[in-house]
Amino acid sequence: MTYARAVEVPAGADPVLDLGRVRGSVEVSLDGEFAGEAFCAPYRFPLRGAAGRTVRLEVTVRGTLAPYLGEATPTAWAFESQLSSGLLGPVTLRLEA
C-alpha cells in the first residue's frame, strides 16, 4: 500500500517524519527521491531539505504474510499478535523547536 500526500513544511530545521506503529516494512520518498526504509521500530525518517517548502511524501508499507497464512492455511505459526498489518500510526511530523 502506498500513501501519498503534499505537506507544507514550516521554515526552520528539517523535520522528522514519525510513522508511529507499523506492522511490516516501510519505504519513504520525498519528492520522488528515496528518503529511507525500515523493517522495525523506530519508524522515523529525517526529511532533509524539506524545511520551508511544500513537499510530496510517499510512504509504501509492505505487510507481512501472517494475515494470509492465518486465513489460508491451518498453520500454528501465525500468532494473533502478528495478524495486524499496515500503517497503524499515529503519523506525525516532528519539528525541532
N, C-alpha and C. Protein backbone atom coordinates (compact mmCIF):
# COMPACT_ATOMS: atom_id res chain seq x y z
N MET A 1 0.85 -1.15 0.00
CA MET A 1 0.00 0.00 0.00
C MET A 1 0.90 1.23 0.00
N THR A 2 0.62 2.17 -0.86
CA THR A 2 1.37 3.42 -0.88
C THR A 2 0.45 4.58 -0.51
N TYR A 3 0.88 5.36 0.46
CA TYR A 3 0.17 6.56 0.88
C TYR A 3 0.94 7.75 0.34
N ALA A 4 0.26 8.74 -0.21
CA ALA A 4 0.93 9.92 -0.75
C ALA A 4 0.18 11.18 -0.31
N ARG A 5 0.96 12.23 -0.07
CA ARG A 5 0.35 13.48 0.39
C ARG A 5 1.31 14.64 0.18
N ALA A 6 0.76 15.79 -0.19
CA ALA A 6 1.55 17.02 -0.21
C ALA A 6 1.50 17.63 1.18
N VAL A 7 2.66 18.07 1.67
CA VAL A 7 2.76 18.60 3.02
C VAL A 7 3.49 19.94 2.98
N GLU A 8 2.89 20.96 3.60
CA GLU A 8 3.57 22.25 3.75
C GLU A 8 4.42 22.19 5.00
N VAL A 9 5.73 22.30 4.82
CA VAL A 9 6.65 22.20 5.95
C VAL A 9 7.08 23.61 6.35
N PRO A 10 6.92 23.96 7.61
CA PRO A 10 7.33 25.30 8.05
C PRO A 10 8.84 25.51 7.90
N ALA A 11 9.23 26.77 7.81
CA ALA A 11 10.65 27.10 7.75
C ALA A 11 11.30 26.76 9.09
N GLY A 12 12.60 26.55 9.06
CA GLY A 12 13.34 26.19 10.27
C GLY A 12 14.17 24.96 10.02
N ALA A 13 14.34 24.18 11.05
CA ALA A 13 15.12 22.94 10.92
C ALA A 13 14.32 21.91 10.12
N ASP A 14 15.04 21.03 9.44
CA ASP A 14 14.37 19.95 8.71
C ASP A 14 13.61 19.06 9.68
N PRO A 15 12.39 18.66 9.32
CA PRO A 15 11.57 17.84 10.21
C PRO A 15 11.94 16.36 10.14
N VAL A 16 11.34 15.61 11.04
CA VAL A 16 11.46 14.15 11.05
C VAL A 16 10.06 13.58 10.92
N LEU A 17 9.86 12.70 9.96
CA LEU A 17 8.59 12.02 9.80
C LEU A 17 8.58 10.81 10.73
N ASP A 18 7.62 10.77 11.63
CA ASP A 18 7.48 9.67 12.59
C ASP A 18 6.20 8.92 12.24
N LEU A 19 6.33 7.67 11.81
CA LEU A 19 5.17 6.90 11.37
C LEU A 19 4.47 6.17 12.51
N GLY A 20 5.00 6.26 13.71
CA GLY A 20 4.36 5.58 14.83
C GLY A 20 4.49 4.07 14.71
N ARG A 21 3.38 3.37 14.85
CA ARG A 21 3.40 1.90 14.81
C ARG A 21 3.17 1.41 13.38
N VAL A 22 4.02 0.51 12.93
CA VAL A 22 3.91 -0.09 11.61
C VAL A 22 4.08 -1.60 11.76
N ARG A 23 3.26 -2.37 11.07
CA ARG A 23 3.45 -3.82 11.00
C ARG A 23 3.82 -4.15 9.57
N GLY A 24 5.09 -4.46 9.35
CA GLY A 24 5.62 -4.73 8.03
C GLY A 24 6.86 -3.89 7.81
N SER A 25 7.25 -3.76 6.57
CA SER A 25 8.39 -2.90 6.24
C SER A 25 7.87 -1.65 5.56
N VAL A 26 8.68 -0.60 5.57
CA VAL A 26 8.22 0.67 5.03
C VAL A 26 9.36 1.37 4.27
N GLU A 27 8.98 2.07 3.21
CA GLU A 27 9.92 2.89 2.44
C GLU A 27 9.30 4.27 2.28
N VAL A 28 10.12 5.31 2.47
CA VAL A 28 9.65 6.70 2.39
C VAL A 28 10.39 7.41 1.28
N SER A 29 9.64 8.19 0.48
CA SER A 29 10.29 9.05 -0.52
C SER A 29 9.79 10.48 -0.34
N LEU A 30 10.67 11.41 -0.66
CA LEU A 30 10.41 12.84 -0.55
C LEU A 30 10.60 13.43 -1.94
N ASP A 31 9.51 13.95 -2.52
CA ASP A 31 9.54 14.48 -3.88
C ASP A 31 10.13 13.48 -4.87
N GLY A 32 9.76 12.21 -4.71
CA GLY A 32 10.20 11.17 -5.63
C GLY A 32 11.58 10.61 -5.38
N GLU A 33 12.28 11.15 -4.38
CA GLU A 33 13.63 10.68 -4.05
C GLU A 33 13.59 9.83 -2.78
N PHE A 34 14.35 8.76 -2.77
CA PHE A 34 14.43 7.87 -1.62
C PHE A 34 14.84 8.64 -0.37
N ALA A 35 14.07 8.48 0.72
CA ALA A 35 14.39 9.15 1.99
C ALA A 35 14.74 8.16 3.09
N GLY A 36 14.41 6.89 2.91
CA GLY A 36 14.77 5.89 3.91
C GLY A 36 13.84 4.70 3.89
N GLU A 37 14.26 3.65 4.59
CA GLU A 37 13.43 2.46 4.74
C GLU A 37 13.71 1.82 6.09
N ALA A 38 12.74 1.05 6.57
CA ALA A 38 12.91 0.38 7.87
C ALA A 38 12.01 -0.85 7.91
N PHE A 39 12.44 -1.83 8.70
CA PHE A 39 11.62 -3.01 8.90
C PHE A 39 11.33 -3.24 10.38
N CYS A 40 11.80 -2.32 11.22
CA CYS A 40 11.49 -2.40 12.64
C CYS A 40 11.51 -0.98 13.22
N ALA A 41 10.92 -0.84 14.40
CA ALA A 41 10.86 0.46 15.06
C ALA A 41 12.26 0.91 15.48
N PRO A 42 12.52 2.20 15.55
CA PRO A 42 11.57 3.29 15.33
C PRO A 42 11.43 3.61 13.83
N TYR A 43 10.22 3.90 13.42
CA TYR A 43 9.94 4.26 12.03
C TYR A 43 10.00 5.78 11.89
N ARG A 44 11.20 6.32 11.99
CA ARG A 44 11.41 7.78 11.91
C ARG A 44 12.38 8.08 10.78
N PHE A 45 12.05 9.13 10.00
CA PHE A 45 12.84 9.46 8.82
C PHE A 45 13.11 10.95 8.75
N PRO A 46 14.38 11.37 8.79
CA PRO A 46 14.71 12.79 8.61
C PRO A 46 14.35 13.20 7.18
N LEU A 47 13.70 14.34 7.05
CA LEU A 47 13.32 14.84 5.73
C LEU A 47 14.25 15.99 5.36
N ARG A 48 15.43 15.65 4.91
CA ARG A 48 16.47 16.64 4.60
C ARG A 48 16.07 17.52 3.42
N GLY A 49 16.19 18.82 3.62
CA GLY A 49 15.88 19.78 2.57
C GLY A 49 14.40 20.11 2.45
N ALA A 50 13.58 19.65 3.38
CA ALA A 50 12.14 19.87 3.28
C ALA A 50 11.67 21.17 3.94
N ALA A 51 12.46 21.72 4.85
CA ALA A 51 12.03 22.90 5.61
C ALA A 51 11.70 24.07 4.69
N GLY A 52 10.55 24.71 4.95
CA GLY A 52 10.15 25.90 4.22
C GLY A 52 9.59 25.63 2.83
N ARG A 53 9.23 24.39 2.54
CA ARG A 53 8.71 24.04 1.20
C ARG A 53 7.44 23.20 1.32
N THR A 54 6.74 23.10 0.23
CA THR A 54 5.67 22.12 0.11
C THR A 54 6.27 20.92 -0.59
N VAL A 55 6.20 19.77 0.05
CA VAL A 55 6.84 18.56 -0.47
C VAL A 55 5.79 17.47 -0.67
N ARG A 56 6.12 16.52 -1.49
CA ARG A 56 5.27 15.34 -1.69
C ARG A 56 5.91 14.16 -0.97
N LEU A 57 5.20 13.63 0.02
CA LEU A 57 5.67 12.47 0.76
C LEU A 57 4.95 11.23 0.25
N GLU A 58 5.70 10.16 0.07
CA GLU A 58 5.12 8.86 -0.26
C GLU A 58 5.64 7.85 0.74
N VAL A 59 4.74 7.08 1.30
CA VAL A 59 5.08 6.04 2.27
C VAL A 59 4.52 4.73 1.73
N THR A 60 5.40 3.79 1.44
CA THR A 60 4.99 2.47 0.96
C THR A 60 5.18 1.46 2.08
N VAL A 61 4.09 0.79 2.44
CA VAL A 61 4.12 -0.21 3.50
C VAL A 61 3.91 -1.58 2.87
N ARG A 62 4.81 -2.47 3.18
CA ARG A 62 4.70 -3.85 2.71
C ARG A 62 4.37 -4.73 3.92
N GLY A 63 3.17 -5.27 3.93
CA GLY A 63 2.70 -6.07 5.06
C GLY A 63 3.41 -7.42 5.14
N THR A 64 3.13 -8.12 6.21
CA THR A 64 3.70 -9.45 6.41
C THR A 64 2.75 -10.50 5.82
N LEU A 65 3.20 -11.73 5.77
CA LEU A 65 2.37 -12.82 5.29
C LEU A 65 1.45 -13.40 6.36
N ALA A 66 1.61 -12.97 7.59
CA ALA A 66 0.83 -13.55 8.68
C ALA A 66 -0.68 -13.50 8.46
N PRO A 67 -1.29 -12.38 8.03
CA PRO A 67 -2.74 -12.39 7.82
C PRO A 67 -3.17 -13.41 6.77
N TYR A 68 -2.40 -13.53 5.71
CA TYR A 68 -2.72 -14.52 4.67
C TYR A 68 -2.61 -15.94 5.22
N LEU A 69 -1.51 -16.22 5.89
CA LEU A 69 -1.31 -17.56 6.44
C LEU A 69 -2.37 -17.92 7.47
N GLY A 70 -2.77 -16.94 8.26
CA GLY A 70 -3.80 -17.18 9.27
C GLY A 70 -5.14 -17.58 8.67
N GLU A 71 -5.45 -17.08 7.46
CA GLU A 71 -6.72 -17.40 6.81
C GLU A 71 -6.62 -18.57 5.84
N ALA A 72 -5.50 -18.67 5.13
CA ALA A 72 -5.39 -19.61 4.02
C ALA A 72 -4.89 -21.00 4.40
N THR A 73 -4.20 -21.12 5.51
CA THR A 73 -3.62 -22.41 5.86
C THR A 73 -3.87 -22.73 7.33
N PRO A 74 -3.98 -23.98 7.64
CA PRO A 74 -4.14 -24.35 9.05
C PRO A 74 -2.77 -24.43 9.74
N THR A 75 -2.14 -23.28 9.91
CA THR A 75 -0.80 -23.26 10.49
C THR A 75 -0.85 -22.78 11.94
N ALA A 76 0.06 -23.30 12.72
CA ALA A 76 0.19 -22.84 14.11
C ALA A 76 1.21 -21.72 14.22
N TRP A 77 1.73 -21.28 13.08
CA TRP A 77 2.83 -20.30 13.09
C TRP A 77 2.36 -18.87 12.88
N ALA A 78 1.08 -18.63 12.66
CA ALA A 78 0.55 -17.27 12.55
C ALA A 78 -0.14 -16.95 13.87
N PHE A 79 0.55 -16.18 14.72
CA PHE A 79 0.03 -15.86 16.04
C PHE A 79 -0.91 -14.65 15.97
N GLU A 80 -1.84 -14.56 16.89
CA GLU A 80 -2.82 -13.47 16.92
C GLU A 80 -2.15 -12.10 16.88
N SER A 81 -1.04 -11.94 17.59
CA SER A 81 -0.34 -10.65 17.63
C SER A 81 0.29 -10.28 16.30
N GLN A 82 0.39 -11.22 15.36
CA GLN A 82 1.01 -10.96 14.06
C GLN A 82 -0.02 -10.65 12.98
N LEU A 83 -1.29 -10.77 13.27
CA LEU A 83 -2.31 -10.68 12.22
C LEU A 83 -2.60 -9.27 11.75
N SER A 84 -2.32 -8.25 12.55
CA SER A 84 -2.50 -6.88 12.07
C SER A 84 -1.33 -6.55 11.15
N SER A 85 -1.60 -5.75 10.12
CA SER A 85 -0.56 -5.41 9.16
C SER A 85 -0.86 -4.03 8.60
N GLY A 86 0.19 -3.23 8.38
CA GLY A 86 0.00 -1.93 7.76
C GLY A 86 0.51 -0.77 8.61
N LEU A 87 0.09 0.43 8.22
CA LEU A 87 0.48 1.67 8.88
C LEU A 87 -0.58 1.98 9.94
N LEU A 88 -0.22 1.84 11.21
CA LEU A 88 -1.17 1.98 12.30
C LEU A 88 -1.05 3.32 13.03
N GLY A 89 0.10 4.02 12.84
CA GLY A 89 0.28 5.36 13.35
C GLY A 89 0.41 5.48 14.85
N PRO A 90 0.24 6.67 15.39
CA PRO A 90 -0.11 7.90 14.68
C PRO A 90 1.08 8.43 13.87
N VAL A 91 0.77 9.06 12.75
CA VAL A 91 1.80 9.65 11.88
C VAL A 91 1.94 11.12 12.26
N THR A 92 3.18 11.53 12.55
CA THR A 92 3.42 12.93 12.93
C THR A 92 4.65 13.46 12.21
N LEU A 93 4.68 14.77 12.05
CA LEU A 93 5.84 15.47 11.51
C LEU A 93 6.47 16.19 12.69
N ARG A 94 7.63 15.72 13.12
CA ARG A 94 8.29 16.31 14.30
C ARG A 94 9.14 17.50 13.87
N LEU A 95 8.87 18.63 14.51
CA LEU A 95 9.61 19.85 14.23
C LEU A 95 10.43 20.22 15.46
N GLU A 96 11.70 20.44 15.26
CA GLU A 96 12.57 20.86 16.38
C GLU A 96 12.29 22.31 16.70
N ALA A 97 12.23 22.61 17.99
CA ALA A 97 11.96 23.99 18.42
C ALA A 97 13.20 24.84 18.30
